[in-house]
Amino acid sequence: TTAIVITWDDFGGFYDHVAPPQADDFGYGPRVPLIVISPYVKERI
């Protein structure tokens, strides 16, 4: 009955090629990894 979300807090200075959308004056920042783990996550997507 659990959903786990793993991410990283900021870009750390490392390269990423995707331009962040401009949400407001503060962000977004560069992409960070996201892994979602759960019995009900769509597998291998």
PDB file of all heavy atoms in Angstrom:
ATOM      1  N   THR A   1       0.815  -1.215   0.000  1.00  0.00           N
ATOM      2  CA  THR A   1       0.000   0.000   0.000  1.00  0.00           C
ATOM      3  C   THR A   1       0.849   1.266   0.000  1.00  0.00           C
ATOM      4  O   THR A   1       0.414   2.316   0.475  1.00  0.00           O
ATOM      5  CB  THR A   1      -0.923   0.015   1.235  1.00  0.00           C
ATOM      6  OG1 THR A   1      -0.112  -0.055   2.425  1.00  0.00           O
ATOM      7  CG2 THR A   1      -1.905  -1.147   1.201  1.00  0.00           C
ATOM      8  N   THR A   2       2.051   1.184  -0.561  1.00  0.00           N
ATOM      9  CA  THR A   2       3.008   2.301  -0.483  1.00  0.00           C
ATOM     10  C   THR A   2       3.377   2.823  -1.861  1.00  0.00           C
ATOM     11  O   THR A   2       3.510   2.066  -2.814  1.00  0.00           O
ATOM     12  CB  THR A   2       4.279   1.855   0.263  1.00  0.00           C
ATOM     13  OG1 THR A   2       3.940   1.526   1.613  1.00  0.00           O
ATOM     14  CG2 THR A   2       5.331   2.959   0.279  1.00  0.00           C
ATOM     15  N   ALA A   3       3.568   4.136  -1.948  1.00  0.00           N
ATOM     16  CA  ALA A   3       4.164   4.792  -3.112  1.00  0.00           C
ATOM     17  C   ALA A   3       5.410   5.526  -2.655  1.00  0.00           C
ATOM     18  O   ALA A   3       5.365   6.276  -1.666  1.00  0.00           O
ATOM     19  CB  ALA A   3       3.189   5.769  -3.758  1.00  0.00           C
ATOM     20  N   ILE A   4       6.515   5.302  -3.352  1.00  0.00           N
ATOM     21  CA  ILE A   4       7.807   5.918  -3.018  1.00  0.00           C
ATOM     22  C   ILE A   4       8.193   6.841  -4.159  1.00  0.00           C
ATOM     23  O   ILE A   4       8.190   6.432  -5.329  1.00  0.00           O
ATOM     24  CB  ILE A   4       8.896   4.846  -2.841  1.00  0.00           C
ATOM     25  CG1 ILE A   4       8.471   3.791  -1.815  1.00  0.00           C
ATOM     26  CG2 ILE A   4      10.223   5.485  -2.448  1.00  0.00           C
ATOM     27  CD1 ILE A   4       9.322   2.531  -1.848  1.00  0.00           C
ATOM     28  N   VAL A   5       8.544   8.071  -3.849  1.00  0.00           N
ATOM     29  CA  VAL A   5       9.005   9.040  -4.837  1.00  0.00           C
ATOM     30  C   VAL A   5      10.439   9.427  -4.480  1.00  0.00           C
ATOM     31  O   VAL A   5      10.695   9.911  -3.376  1.00  0.00           O
ATOM     32  CB  VAL A   5       8.116  10.292  -4.870  1.00  0.00           C
ATOM     33  CG1 VAL A   5       8.620  11.278  -5.925  1.00  0.00           C
ATOM     34  CG2 VAL A   5       6.659   9.924  -5.137  1.00  0.00           C
ATOM     35  N   ILE A   6      11.357   9.202  -5.418  1.00  0.00           N
ATOM     36  CA  ILE A   6      12.770   9.548  -5.209  1.00  0.00           C
ATOM     37  C   ILE A   6      13.148  10.636  -6.203  1.00  0.00           C
ATOM     38  O   ILE A   6      12.921  10.488  -7.410  1.00  0.00           O
ATOM     39  CB  ILE A   6      13.693   8.344  -5.437  1.00  0.00           C
ATOM     40  CG1 ILE A   6      13.232   7.131  -4.619  1.00  0.00           C
ATOM     41  CG2 ILE A   6      15.137   8.694  -5.085  1.00  0.00           C
ATOM     42  CD1 ILE A   6      13.942   5.853  -5.004  1.00  0.00           C
ATOM     43  N   THR A   7      13.722  11.713  -5.692  1.00  0.00           N
ATOM     44  CA  THR A   7      14.227  12.745  -6.583  1.00  0.00           C
ATOM     45  C   THR A   7      15.465  13.382  -5.966  1.00  0.00           C
ATOM     46  O   THR A   7      15.903  13.008  -4.885  1.00  0.00           O
ATOM     47  CB  THR A   7      13.141  13.796  -6.899  1.00  0.00           C
ATOM     48  OG1 THR A   7      13.587  14.637  -7.965  1.00  0.00           O
ATOM     49  CG2 THR A   7      12.813  14.658  -5.693  1.00  0.00           C
ATOM     50  N   TRP A   8      16.053  14.342  -6.684  1.00  0.00           N
ATOM     51  CA  TRP A   8      17.278  15.025  -6.269  1.00  0.00           C
ATOM     52  C   TRP A   8      16.962  16.508  -6.185  1.00  0.00           C
ATOM     53  O   TRP A   8      16.204  17.044  -6.991  1.00  0.00           O
ATOM     54  CB  TRP A   8      18.392  14.717  -7.264  1.00  0.00           C
ATOM     55  CG  TRP A   8      19.003  13.361  -7.079  1.00  0.00           C
ATOM     56  CD1 TRP A   8      20.240  13.088  -6.564  1.00  0.00           C
ATOM     57  CD2 TRP A   8      18.428  12.069  -7.387  1.00  0.00           C
ATOM     58  NE1 TRP A   8      20.470  11.723  -6.541  1.00  0.00           N
ATOM     59  CE2 TRP A   8      19.369  11.075  -7.039  1.00  0.00           C
ATOM     60  CE3 TRP A   8      17.201  11.647  -7.928  1.00  0.00           C
ATOM     61  CZ2 TRP A   8      19.133   9.711  -7.197  1.00  0.00           C
ATOM     62  CZ3 TRP A   8      16.954  10.282  -8.086  1.00  0.00           C
ATOM     63  CH2 TRP A   8      17.916   9.336  -7.725  1.00  0.00           C
ATOM     64  N   ASP A   9      17.562  17.214  -5.237  1.00  0.00           N
ATOM     65  CA  ASP A   9      17.048  18.537  -4.870  1.00  0.00           C
ATOM     66  C   ASP A   9      17.422  19.658  -5.828  1.00  0.00           C
ATOM     67  O   ASP A   9      16.719  20.653  -5.918  1.00  0.00           O
ATOM     68  CB  ASP A   9      17.472  18.894  -3.444  1.00  0.00           C
ATOM     69  CG  ASP A   9      18.947  19.279  -3.346  1.00  0.00           C
ATOM     70  OD1 ASP A   9      19.777  18.756  -4.121  1.00  0.00           O
ATOM     71  OD2 ASP A   9      19.277  20.118  -2.478  1.00  0.00           O
ATOM     72  N   ASP A  10      18.548  19.545  -6.517  1.00  0.00           N
ATOM     73  CA  ASP A  10      18.923  20.576  -7.482  1.00  0.00           C
ATOM     74  C   ASP A  10      19.956  20.012  -8.444  1.00  0.00           C
ATOM     75  O   ASP A  10      20.395  18.877  -8.306  1.00  0.00           O
ATOM     76  CB  ASP A  10      19.432  21.853  -6.795  1.00  0.00           C
ATOM     77  CG  ASP A  10      20.758  21.681  -6.062  1.00  0.00           C
ATOM     78  OD1 ASP A  10      21.771  21.361  -6.721  1.00  0.00           O
ATOM     79  OD2 ASP A  10      20.801  21.880  -4.835  1.00  0.00           O
ATOM     80  N   PHE A  11      20.369  20.819  -9.402  1.00  0.00           N
ATOM     81  CA  PHE A  11      21.207  20.321 -10.495  1.00  0.00           C
ATOM     82  C   PHE A  11      22.665  20.113 -10.104  1.00  0.00           C
ATOM     83  O   PHE A  11      23.421  19.449 -10.828  1.00  0.00           O
ATOM     84  CB  PHE A  11      21.099  21.259 -11.698  1.00  0.00           C
ATOM     85  CG  PHE A  11      21.944  22.502 -11.646  1.00  0.00           C
ATOM     86  CD1 PHE A  11      22.911  22.742 -12.616  1.00  0.00           C
ATOM     87  CD2 PHE A  11      21.756  23.453 -10.649  1.00  0.00           C
ATOM     88  CE1 PHE A  11      23.684  23.902 -12.593  1.00  0.00           C
ATOM     89  CE2 PHE A  11      22.509  24.614 -10.621  1.00  0.00           C
ATOM     90  CZ  PHE A  11      23.486  24.837 -11.598  1.00  0.00           C
ATOM     91  N   GLY A  12      23.100  20.694  -9.006  1.00  0.00           N
ATOM     92  CA  GLY A  12      24.454  20.475  -8.512  1.00  0.00           C
ATOM     93  C   GLY A  12      25.553  21.016  -9.397  1.00  0.00           C
ATOM     94  O   GLY A  12      26.728  20.739  -9.171  1.00  0.00           O
ATOM     95  N   GLY A  13      25.210  21.771 -10.441  1.00  0.00           N
ATOM     96  CA  GLY A  13      26.199  22.285 -11.382  1.00  0.00           C
ATOM     97  C   GLY A  13      26.396  21.412 -12.602  1.00  0.00           C
ATOM     98  O   GLY A  13      27.141  21.784 -13.515  1.00  0.00           O
ATOM     99  N   PHE A  14      25.737  20.246 -12.668  1.00  0.00           N
ATOM    100  CA  PHE A  14      25.967  19.299 -13.756  1.00  0.00           C
ATOM    101  C   PHE A  14      25.100  19.604 -14.978  1.00  0.00           C
ATOM    102  O   PHE A  14      24.005  20.147 -14.873  1.00  0.00           O
ATOM    103  CB  PHE A  14      25.701  17.871 -13.273  1.00  0.00           C
ATOM    104  CG  PHE A  14      26.657  17.420 -12.213  1.00  0.00           C
ATOM    105  CD1 PHE A  14      26.261  17.321 -10.887  1.00  0.00           C
ATOM    106  CD2 PHE A  14      27.979  17.111 -12.538  1.00  0.00           C
ATOM    107  CE1 PHE A  14      27.137  16.909  -9.903  1.00  0.00           C
ATOM    108  CE2 PHE A  14      28.869  16.699 -11.559  1.00  0.00           C
ATOM    109  CZ  PHE A  14      28.451  16.607 -10.238  1.00  0.00           C
ATOM    110  N   TYR A  15      25.595  19.166 -16.122  1.00  0.00           N
ATOM    111  CA  TYR A  15      24.955  19.468 -17.407  1.00  0.00           C
ATOM    112  C   TYR A  15      23.605  18.778 -17.554  1.00  0.00           C
ATOM    113  O   TYR A  15      23.419  17.625 -17.162  1.00  0.00           O
ATOM    114  CB  TYR A  15      25.863  19.033 -18.557  1.00  0.00           C
ATOM    115  CG  TYR A  15      25.260  19.311 -19.919  1.00  0.00           C
ATOM    116  CD1 TYR A  15      25.251  20.605 -20.436  1.00  0.00           C
ATOM    117  CD2 TYR A  15      24.668  18.292 -20.658  1.00  0.00           C
ATOM    118  CE1 TYR A  15      24.689  20.871 -21.671  1.00  0.00           C
ATOM    119  CE2 TYR A  15      24.099  18.554 -21.888  1.00  0.00           C
ATOM    120  CZ  TYR A  15      24.110  19.845 -22.393  1.00  0.00           C
ATOM    121  OH  TYR A  15      23.540  20.112 -23.616  1.00  0.00           O
ATOM    122  N   ASP A  16      22.676  19.497 -18.155  1.00  0.00           N
ATOM    123  CA  ASP A  16      21.441  18.918 -18.673  1.00  0.00           C
ATOM    124  C   ASP A  16      21.038  19.718 -19.898  1.00  0.00           C
ATOM    125  O   ASP A  16      21.225  20.935 -19.944  1.00  0.00           O
ATOM    126  CB  ASP A  16      20.323  18.937 -17.641  1.00  0.00           C
ATOM    127  CG  ASP A  16      19.177  18.029 -18.062  1.00  0.00           C
ATOM    128  OD1 ASP A  16      19.254  16.813 -17.794  1.00  0.00           O
ATOM    129  OD2 ASP A  16      18.224  18.520 -18.690  1.00  0.00           O
ATOM    130  N   HIS A  17      20.475  19.030 -20.894  1.00  0.00           N
ATOM    131  CA  HIS A  17      20.240  19.706 -22.173  1.00  0.00           C
ATOM    132  C   HIS A  17      18.844  20.295 -22.328  1.00  0.00           C
ATOM    133  O   HIS A  17      18.605  21.059 -23.270  1.00  0.00           O
ATOM    134  CB  HIS A  17      20.501  18.738 -23.334  1.00  0.00           C
ATOM    135  CG  HIS A  17      19.382  17.780 -23.609  1.00  0.00           C
ATOM    136  ND1 HIS A  17      19.138  16.669 -22.836  1.00  0.00           N
ATOM    137  CD2 HIS A  17      18.439  17.768 -24.588  1.00  0.00           C
ATOM    138  CE1 HIS A  17      18.107  16.007 -23.325  1.00  0.00           C
ATOM    139  NE2 HIS A  17      17.657  16.647 -24.381  1.00  0.00           N
ATOM    140  N   VAL A  18      17.902  19.972 -21.422  1.00  0.00           N
ATOM    141  CA  VAL A  18      16.517  20.425 -21.578  1.00  0.00           C
ATOM    142  C   VAL A  18      16.329  21.757 -20.865  1.00  0.00           C
ATOM    143  O   VAL A  18      16.574  21.873 -19.658  1.00  0.00           O
ATOM    144  CB  VAL A  18      15.527  19.381 -21.047  1.00  0.00           C
ATOM    145  CG1 VAL A  18      14.102  19.927 -21.114  1.00  0.00           C
ATOM    146  CG2 VAL A  18      15.631  18.086 -21.854  1.00  0.00           C
ATOM    147  N   ALA A  19      15.860  22.752 -21.590  1.00  0.00           N
ATOM    148  CA  ALA A  19      15.625  24.068 -21.003  1.00  0.00           C
ATOM    149  C   ALA A  19      14.460  24.009 -20.023  1.00  0.00           C
ATOM    150  O   ALA A  19      13.381  23.511 -20.375  1.00  0.00           O
ATOM    151  CB  ALA A  19      15.325  25.086 -22.103  1.00  0.00           C
ATOM    152  N   PRO A  20      14.633  24.499 -18.809  1.00  0.00           N
ATOM    153  CA  PRO A  20      13.516  24.473 -17.856  1.00  0.00           C
ATOM    154  C   PRO A  20      12.406  25.425 -18.290  1.00  0.00           C
ATOM    155  O   PRO A  20      12.671  26.543 -18.739  1.00  0.00           O
ATOM    156  CB  PRO A  20      14.148  24.957 -16.548  1.00  0.00           C
ATOM    157  CG  PRO A  20      15.623  24.863 -16.744  1.00  0.00           C
ATOM    158  CD  PRO A  20      15.863  25.037 -18.205  1.00  0.00           C
ATOM    159  N   PRO A  21      11.147  25.018 -18.167  1.00  0.00           N
ATOM    160  CA  PRO A  21      10.051  25.966 -18.377  1.00  0.00           C
ATOM    161  C   PRO A  21      10.123  27.097 -17.356  1.00  0.00           C
ATOM    162  O   PRO A  21      10.633  26.914 -16.247  1.00  0.00           O
ATOM    163  CB  PRO A  21       8.798  25.115 -18.155  1.00  0.00           C
ATOM    164  CG  PRO A  21       9.252  23.701 -18.287  1.00  0.00           C
ATOM    165  CD  PRO A  21      10.672  23.665 -17.833  1.00  0.00           C
ATOM    166  N   GLN A  22       9.627  28.258 -17.724  1.00  0.00           N
ATOM    167  CA  GLN A  22       9.607  29.409 -16.819  1.00  0.00           C
ATOM    168  C   GLN A  22       8.279  29.408 -16.081  1.00  0.00           C
ATOM    169  O   GLN A  22       7.250  29.821 -16.608  1.00  0.00           O
ATOM    170  CB  GLN A  22       9.796  30.709 -17.597  1.00  0.00           C
ATOM    171  CG  GLN A  22       9.934  31.948 -16.717  1.00  0.00           C
ATOM    172  CD  GLN A  22      11.240  31.954 -15.926  1.00  0.00           C
ATOM    173  OE1 GLN A  22      12.279  31.543 -16.420  1.00  0.00           O
ATOM    174  NE2 GLN A  22      11.174  32.413 -14.685  1.00  0.00           N
ATOM    175  N   ALA A  23       8.283  28.923 -14.835  1.00  0.00           N
ATOM    176  CA  ALA A  23       7.048  28.848 -14.065  1.00  0.00           C
ATOM    177  C   ALA A  23       6.700  30.199 -13.433  1.00  0.00           C
ATOM    178  O   ALA A  23       5.548  30.601 -13.390  1.00  0.00           O
ATOM    179  CB  ALA A  23       7.180  27.788 -12.979  1.00  0.00           C
ATOM    180  N   ASP A  24       7.717  30.882 -12.932  1.00  0.00           N
ATOM    181  CA  ASP A  24       7.562  32.182 -12.291  1.00  0.00           C
ATOM    182  C   ASP A  24       8.956  32.775 -12.138  1.00  0.00           C
ATOM    183  O   ASP A  24       9.902  32.300 -12.779  1.00  0.00           O
ATOM    184  CB  ASP A  24       6.833  32.067 -10.945  1.00  0.00           C
ATOM    185  CG  ASP A  24       7.461  31.039 -10.007  1.00  0.00           C
ATOM    186  OD1 ASP A  24       8.689  30.814 -10.078  1.00  0.00           O
ATOM    187  OD2 ASP A  24       6.728  30.437  -9.203  1.00  0.00           O
ATOM    188  N   ASP A  25       9.119  33.765 -11.289  1.00  0.00           N
ATOM    189  CA  ASP A  25      10.414  34.415 -11.154  1.00  0.00           C
ATOM    190  C   ASP A  25      11.478  33.512 -10.543  1.00  0.00           C
ATOM    191  O   ASP A  25      12.671  33.798 -10.635  1.00  0.00           O
ATOM    192  CB  ASP A  25      10.298  35.675 -10.280  1.00  0.00           C
ATOM    193  CG  ASP A  25       9.507  36.775 -10.959  1.00  0.00           C
ATOM    194  OD1 ASP A  25       9.346  36.702 -12.193  1.00  0.00           O
ATOM    195  OD2 ASP A  25       9.041  37.686 -10.260  1.00  0.00           O
ATOM    196  N   PHE A  26      11.083  32.401  -9.943  1.00  0.00           N
ATOM    197  CA  PHE A  26      12.016  31.563  -9.200  1.00  0.00           C
ATOM    198  C   PHE A  26      12.427  30.291  -9.939  1.00  0.00           C
ATOM    199  O   PHE A  26      13.484  29.723  -9.640  1.00  0.00           O
ATOM    200  CB  PHE A  26      11.408  31.175  -7.849  1.00  0.00           C
ATOM    201  CG  PHE A  26      11.103  32.358  -6.983  1.00  0.00           C
ATOM    202  CD1 PHE A  26       9.803  32.813  -6.834  1.00  0.00           C
ATOM    203  CD2 PHE A  26      12.110  33.035  -6.333  1.00  0.00           C
ATOM    204  CE1 PHE A  26       9.521  33.909  -6.044  1.00  0.00           C
ATOM    205  CE2 PHE A  26      11.844  34.133  -5.535  1.00  0.00           C
ATOM    206  CZ  PHE A  26      10.543  34.581  -5.397  1.00  0.00           C
ATOM    207  N   GLY A  27      11.643  29.826 -10.830  1.00  0.00           N
ATOM    208  CA  GLY A  27      11.952  28.533 -11.443  1.00  0.00           C
ATOM    209  C   GLY A  27      11.146  28.295 -12.695  1.00  0.00           C
ATOM    210  O   GLY A  27      10.387  29.150 -13.126  1.00  0.00           O
ATOM    211  N   TYR A  28      11.389  27.146 -13.254  1.00  0.00           N
ATOM    212  CA  TYR A  28      12.039  25.988 -12.677  1.00  0.00           C
ATOM    213  C   TYR A  28      13.558  26.031 -12.867  1.00  0.00           C
ATOM    214  O   TYR A  28      14.074  26.778 -13.684  1.00  0.00           O
ATOM    215  CB  TYR A  28      11.502  24.709 -13.302  1.00  0.00           C
ATOM    216  CG  TYR A  28      10.008  24.518 -13.164  1.00  0.00           C
ATOM    217  CD1 TYR A  28       9.268  23.984 -14.212  1.00  0.00           C
ATOM    218  CD2 TYR A  28       9.339  24.883 -12.002  1.00  0.00           C
ATOM    219  CE1 TYR A  28       7.897  23.807 -14.090  1.00  0.00           C
ATOM    220  CE2 TYR A  28       7.976  24.700 -11.880  1.00  0.00           C
ATOM    221  CZ  TYR A  28       7.252  24.156 -12.925  1.00  0.00           C
ATOM    222  OH  TYR A  28       5.903  23.983 -12.807  1.00  0.00           O
ATOM    223  N   GLY A  29      14.226  25.127 -12.102  1.00  0.00           N
ATOM    224  CA  GLY A  29      15.630  24.884 -12.323  1.00  0.00           C
ATOM    225  C   GLY A  29      15.809  23.724 -13.278  1.00  0.00           C
ATOM    226  O   GLY A  29      14.845  23.116 -13.758  1.00  0.00           O
ATOM    227  N   PRO A  30      17.071  23.357 -13.586  1.00  0.00           N
ATOM    228  CA  PRO A  30      17.333  22.248 -14.505  1.00  0.00           C
ATOM    229  C   PRO A  30      16.709  20.929 -14.038  1.00  0.00           C
ATOM    230  O   PRO A  30      16.381  20.755 -12.865  1.00  0.00           O
ATOM    231  CB  PRO A  30      18.869  22.163 -14.509  1.00  0.00           C
ATOM    232  CG  PRO A  30      19.321  23.547 -14.166  1.00  0.00           C
ATOM    233  CD  PRO A  30      18.311  24.057 -13.176  1.00  0.00           C
ATOM    234  N   ARG A  31      16.574  20.017 -15.010  1.00  0.00           N
ATOM    235  CA  ARG A  31      15.981  18.709 -14.711  1.00  0.00           C
ATOM    236  C   ARG A  31      16.770  17.951 -13.657  1.00  0.00           C
ATOM    237  O   ARG A  31      17.996  18.010 -13.610  1.00  0.00           O
ATOM    238  CB  ARG A  31      15.951  17.829 -15.967  1.00  0.00           C
ATOM    239  CG  ARG A  31      14.939  18.173 -17.004  1.00  0.00           C
ATOM    240  CD  ARG A  31      14.846  17.065 -18.051  1.00  0.00           C
ATOM    241  NE  ARG A  31      16.143  16.713 -18.634  1.00  0.00           N
ATOM    242  CZ  ARG A  31      16.322  15.693 -19.466  1.00  0.00           C
ATOM    243  NH1 ARG A  31      15.304  14.922 -19.820  1.00  0.00           N
ATOM    244  NH2 ARG A  31      17.527  15.430 -19.964  1.00  0.00           N
ATOM    245  N   VAL A  32      16.043  17.210 -12.865  1.00  0.00           N
ATOM    246  CA  VAL A  32      16.640  16.274 -11.907  1.00  0.00           C
ATOM    247  C   VAL A  32      15.988  14.910 -12.115  1.00  0.00           C
ATOM    248  O   VAL A  32      14.888  14.819 -12.670  1.00  0.00           O
ATOM    249  CB  VAL A  32      16.436  16.762 -10.450  1.00  0.00           C
ATOM    250  CG1 VAL A  32      17.248  18.024 -10.198  1.00  0.00           C
ATOM    251  CG2 VAL A  32      14.952  17.005 -10.146  1.00  0.00           C
ATOM    252  N   PRO A  33      16.644  13.829 -11.704  1.00  0.00           N
ATOM    253  CA  PRO A  33      16.027  12.510 -11.876  1.00  0.00           C
ATOM    254  C   PRO A  33      14.775  12.352 -11.015  1.00  0.00           C
ATOM    255  O   PRO A  33      14.643  12.969  -9.952  1.00  0.00           O
ATOM    256  CB  PRO A  33      17.123  11.544 -11.434  1.00  0.00           C
ATOM    257  CG  PRO A  33      18.404  12.328 -11.519  1.00  0.00           C
ATOM    258  CD  PRO A  33      18.024  13.733 -11.186  1.00  0.00           C
ATOM    259  N   LEU A  34      13.877  11.501 -11.484  1.00  0.00           N
ATOM    260  CA  LEU A  34      12.663  11.142 -10.746  1.00  0.00           C
ATOM    261  C   LEU A  34      12.398   9.657 -10.952  1.00  0.00           C
ATOM    262  O   LEU A  34      12.296   9.189 -12.090  1.00  0.00           O
ATOM    263  CB  LEU A  34      11.460  11.947 -11.257  1.00  0.00           C
ATOM    264  CG  LEU A  34      10.093  11.503 -10.722  1.00  0.00           C
ATOM    265  CD1 LEU A  34       9.951  11.849  -9.242  1.00  0.00           C
ATOM    266  CD2 LEU A  34       8.963  12.142 -11.530  1.00  0.00           C
ATOM    267  N   ILE A  35      12.308   8.917  -9.857  1.00  0.00           N
ATOM    268  CA  ILE A  35      11.938   7.502  -9.887  1.00  0.00           C
ATOM    269  C   ILE A  35      10.739   7.322  -8.977  1.00  0.00           C
ATOM    270  O   ILE A  35      10.747   7.788  -7.826  1.00  0.00           O
ATOM    271  CB  ILE A  35      13.100   6.601  -9.412  1.00  0.00           C
ATOM    272  CG1 ILE A  35      14.362   6.844 -10.244  1.00  0.00           C
ATOM    273  CG2 ILE A  35      12.700   5.138  -9.475  1.00  0.00           C
ATOM    274  CD1 ILE A  35      15.600   6.146  -9.688  1.00  0.00           C
ATOM    275  N   VAL A  36       9.704   6.683  -9.490  1.00  0.00           N
ATOM    276  CA  VAL A  36       8.504   6.409  -8.696  1.00  0.00           C
ATOM    277  C   VAL A  36       8.342   4.895  -8.593  1.00  0.00           C
ATOM    278  O   VAL A  36       8.360   4.189  -9.605  1.00  0.00           O
ATOM    279  CB  VAL A  36       7.255   7.058  -9.307  1.00  0.00           C
ATOM    280  CG1 VAL A  36       6.035   6.788  -8.436  1.00  0.00           C
ATOM    281  CG2 VAL A  36       7.457   8.571  -9.446  1.00  0.00           C
ATOM    282  N   ILE A  37       8.207   4.412  -7.364  1.00  0.00           N
ATOM    283  CA  ILE A  37       8.196   2.982  -7.070  1.00  0.00           C
ATOM    284  C   ILE A  37       6.927   2.654  -6.285  1.00  0.00           C
ATOM    285  O   ILE A  37       6.638   3.293  -5.270  1.00  0.00           O
ATOM    286  CB  ILE A  37       9.437   2.590  -6.243  1.00  0.00           C
ATOM    287  CG1 ILE A  37      10.724   2.894  -7.020  1.00  0.00           C
ATOM    288  CG2 ILE A  37       9.392   1.124  -5.837  1.00  0.00           C
ATOM    289  CD1 ILE A  37      11.995   2.736  -6.195  1.00  0.00           C
ATOM    290  N   SER A  38       6.175   1.691  -6.760  1.00  0.00           N
ATOM    291  CA  SER A  38       4.951   1.281  -6.082  1.00  0.00           C
ATOM    292  C   SER A  38       4.438   0.007  -6.730  1.00  0.00           C
ATOM    293  O   SER A  38       4.734  -0.258  -7.907  1.00  0.00           O
ATOM    294  CB  SER A  38       3.879   2.377  -6.191  1.00  0.00           C
ATOM    295  OG  SER A  38       2.637   1.929  -5.673  1.00  0.00           O
ATOM    296  N   PRO A  39       3.667  -0.796  -6.020  1.00  0.00           N
ATOM    297  CA  PRO A  39       3.035  -1.943  -6.680  1.00  0.00           C
ATOM    298  C   PRO A  39       2.130  -1.535  -7.838  1.00  0.00           C
ATOM    299  O   PRO A  39       1.844  -2.357  -8.713  1.00  0.00           O
ATOM    300  CB  PRO A  39       2.224  -2.593  -5.551  1.00  0.00           C
ATOM    301  CG  PRO A  39       2.870  -2.145  -4.291  1.00  0.00           C
ATOM    302  CD  PRO A  39       3.389  -0.763  -4.575  1.00  0.00           C
ATOM    303  N   TYR A  40       1.683  -0.268  -7.844  1.00  0.00           N
ATOM    304  CA  TYR A  40       0.719   0.173  -8.855  1.00  0.00           C
ATOM    305  C   TYR A  40       1.288   1.169  -9.861  1.00  0.00           C
ATOM    306  O   TYR A  40       0.539   1.766 -10.628  1.00  0.00           O
ATOM    307  CB  TYR A  40      -0.512   0.761  -8.167  1.00  0.00           C
ATOM    308  CG  TYR A  40      -1.248  -0.282  -7.357  1.00  0.00           C
ATOM    309  CD1 TYR A  40      -1.077  -0.354  -5.979  1.00  0.00           C
ATOM    310  CD2 TYR A  40      -2.075  -1.213  -7.976  1.00  0.00           C
ATOM    311  CE1 TYR A  40      -1.731  -1.322  -5.230  1.00  0.00           C
ATOM    312  CE2 TYR A  40      -2.732  -2.183  -7.236  1.00  0.00           C
ATOM    313  CZ  TYR A  40      -2.554  -2.234  -5.866  1.00  0.00           C
ATOM    314  OH  TYR A  40      -3.192  -3.201  -5.134  1.00  0.00           O
ATOM    315  N   VAL A  41       2.601   1.347  -9.862  1.00  0.00           N
ATOM    316  CA  VAL A  41       3.211   2.181 -10.893  1.00  0.00           C
ATOM    317  C   VAL A  41       3.196   1.426 -12.225  1.00  0.00           C
ATOM    318  O   VAL A  41       3.411   0.217 -12.267  1.00  0.00           O
ATOM    319  CB  VAL A  41       4.649   2.558 -10.491  1.00  0.00           C
ATOM    320  CG1 VAL A  41       5.468   3.003 -11.687  1.00  0.00           C
ATOM    321  CG2 VAL A  41       4.636   3.664  -9.451  1.00  0.00           C
ATOM    322  N   LYS A  42       2.920   2.147 -13.295  1.00  0.00           N
ATOM    323  CA  LYS A  42       2.997   1.535 -14.625  1.00  0.00           C
ATOM    324  C   LYS A  42       4.424   1.046 -14.844  1.00  0.00           C
ATOM    325  O   LYS A  42       5.371   1.828 -14.783  1.00  0.00           O
ATOM    326  CB  LYS A  42       2.623   2.559 -15.698  1.00  0.00           C
ATOM    327  CG  LYS A  42       1.171   3.012 -15.619  1.00  0.00           C
ATOM    328  CD  LYS A  42       0.902   4.186 -16.552  1.00  0.00           C
ATOM    329  CE  LYS A  42      -0.531   4.662 -16.411  1.00  0.00           C
ATOM    330  NZ  LYS A  42      -0.788   5.894 -17.193  1.00  0.00           N
ATOM    331  N   GLU A  43       4.555  -0.217 -15.111  1.00  0.00           N
ATOM    332  CA  GLU A  43       5.885  -0.812 -15.143  1.00  0.00           C
ATOM    333  C   GLU A  43       6.618  -0.488 -16.436  1.00  0.00           C
ATOM    334  O   GLU A  43       6.049  -0.500 -17.520  1.00  0.00           O
ATOM    335  CB  GLU A  43       5.777  -2.324 -14.959  1.00  0.00           C
ATOM    336  CG  GLU A  43       5.191  -2.706 -13.598  1.00  0.00           C
ATOM    337  CD  GLU A  43       5.089  -4.201 -13.425  1.00  0.00           C
ATOM    338  OE1 GLU A  43       6.120  -4.884 -13.566  1.00  0.00           O
ATOM    339  OE2 GLU A  43       3.971  -4.687 -13.158  1.00  0.00           O
ATOM    340  N   ARG A  44       7.908  -0.192 -16.286  1.00  0.00           N
ATOM    341  CA  ARG A  44       8.826   0.007 -17.408  1.00  0.00           C
ATOM    342  C   ARG A  44       8.357   1.138 -18.326  1.00  0.00           C
ATOM    343  O   ARG A  44       8.333   0.996 -19.538  1.00  0.00           O
ATOM    344  CB  ARG A  44       9.019  -1.287 -18.197  1.00  0.00           C
ATOM    345  CG  ARG A  44       9.641  -2.406 -17.372  1.00  0.00           C
ATOM    346  CD  ARG A  44       9.856  -3.659 -18.205  1.00  0.00           C
ATOM    347  NE  ARG A  44      10.547  -4.673 -17.424  1.00  0.00           N
ATOM    348  CZ  ARG A  44       9.948  -5.584 -16.671  1.00  0.00           C
ATOM    349  NH1 ARG A  44       8.621  -5.590 -16.610  1.00  0.00           N
ATOM    350  NH2 ARG A  44      10.644  -6.459 -15.996  1.00  0.00           N
ATOM    351  N   ILE A  45       8.001   2.260 -17.725  1.00  0.00           N
ATOM    352  CA  ILE A  45       7.634   3.419 -18.543  1.00  0.00           C
ATOM    353  C   ILE A  45       8.548   4.588 -18.211  1.00  0.00           C
ATOM    354  O   ILE A  45       9.130   4.679 -17.125  1.00  0.00           O
ATOM    355  CB  ILE A  45       6.155   3.832 -18.382  1.00  0.00           C
ATOM    356  CG1 ILE A  45       5.816   4.189 -16.911  1.00  0.00           C
ATOM    357  CG2 ILE A  45       5.231   2.728 -18.863  1.00  0.00           C
ATOM    358  CD1 ILE A  45       5.896   5.634 -16.599  1.00  0.00           C
TER     359      ILE A  45
END
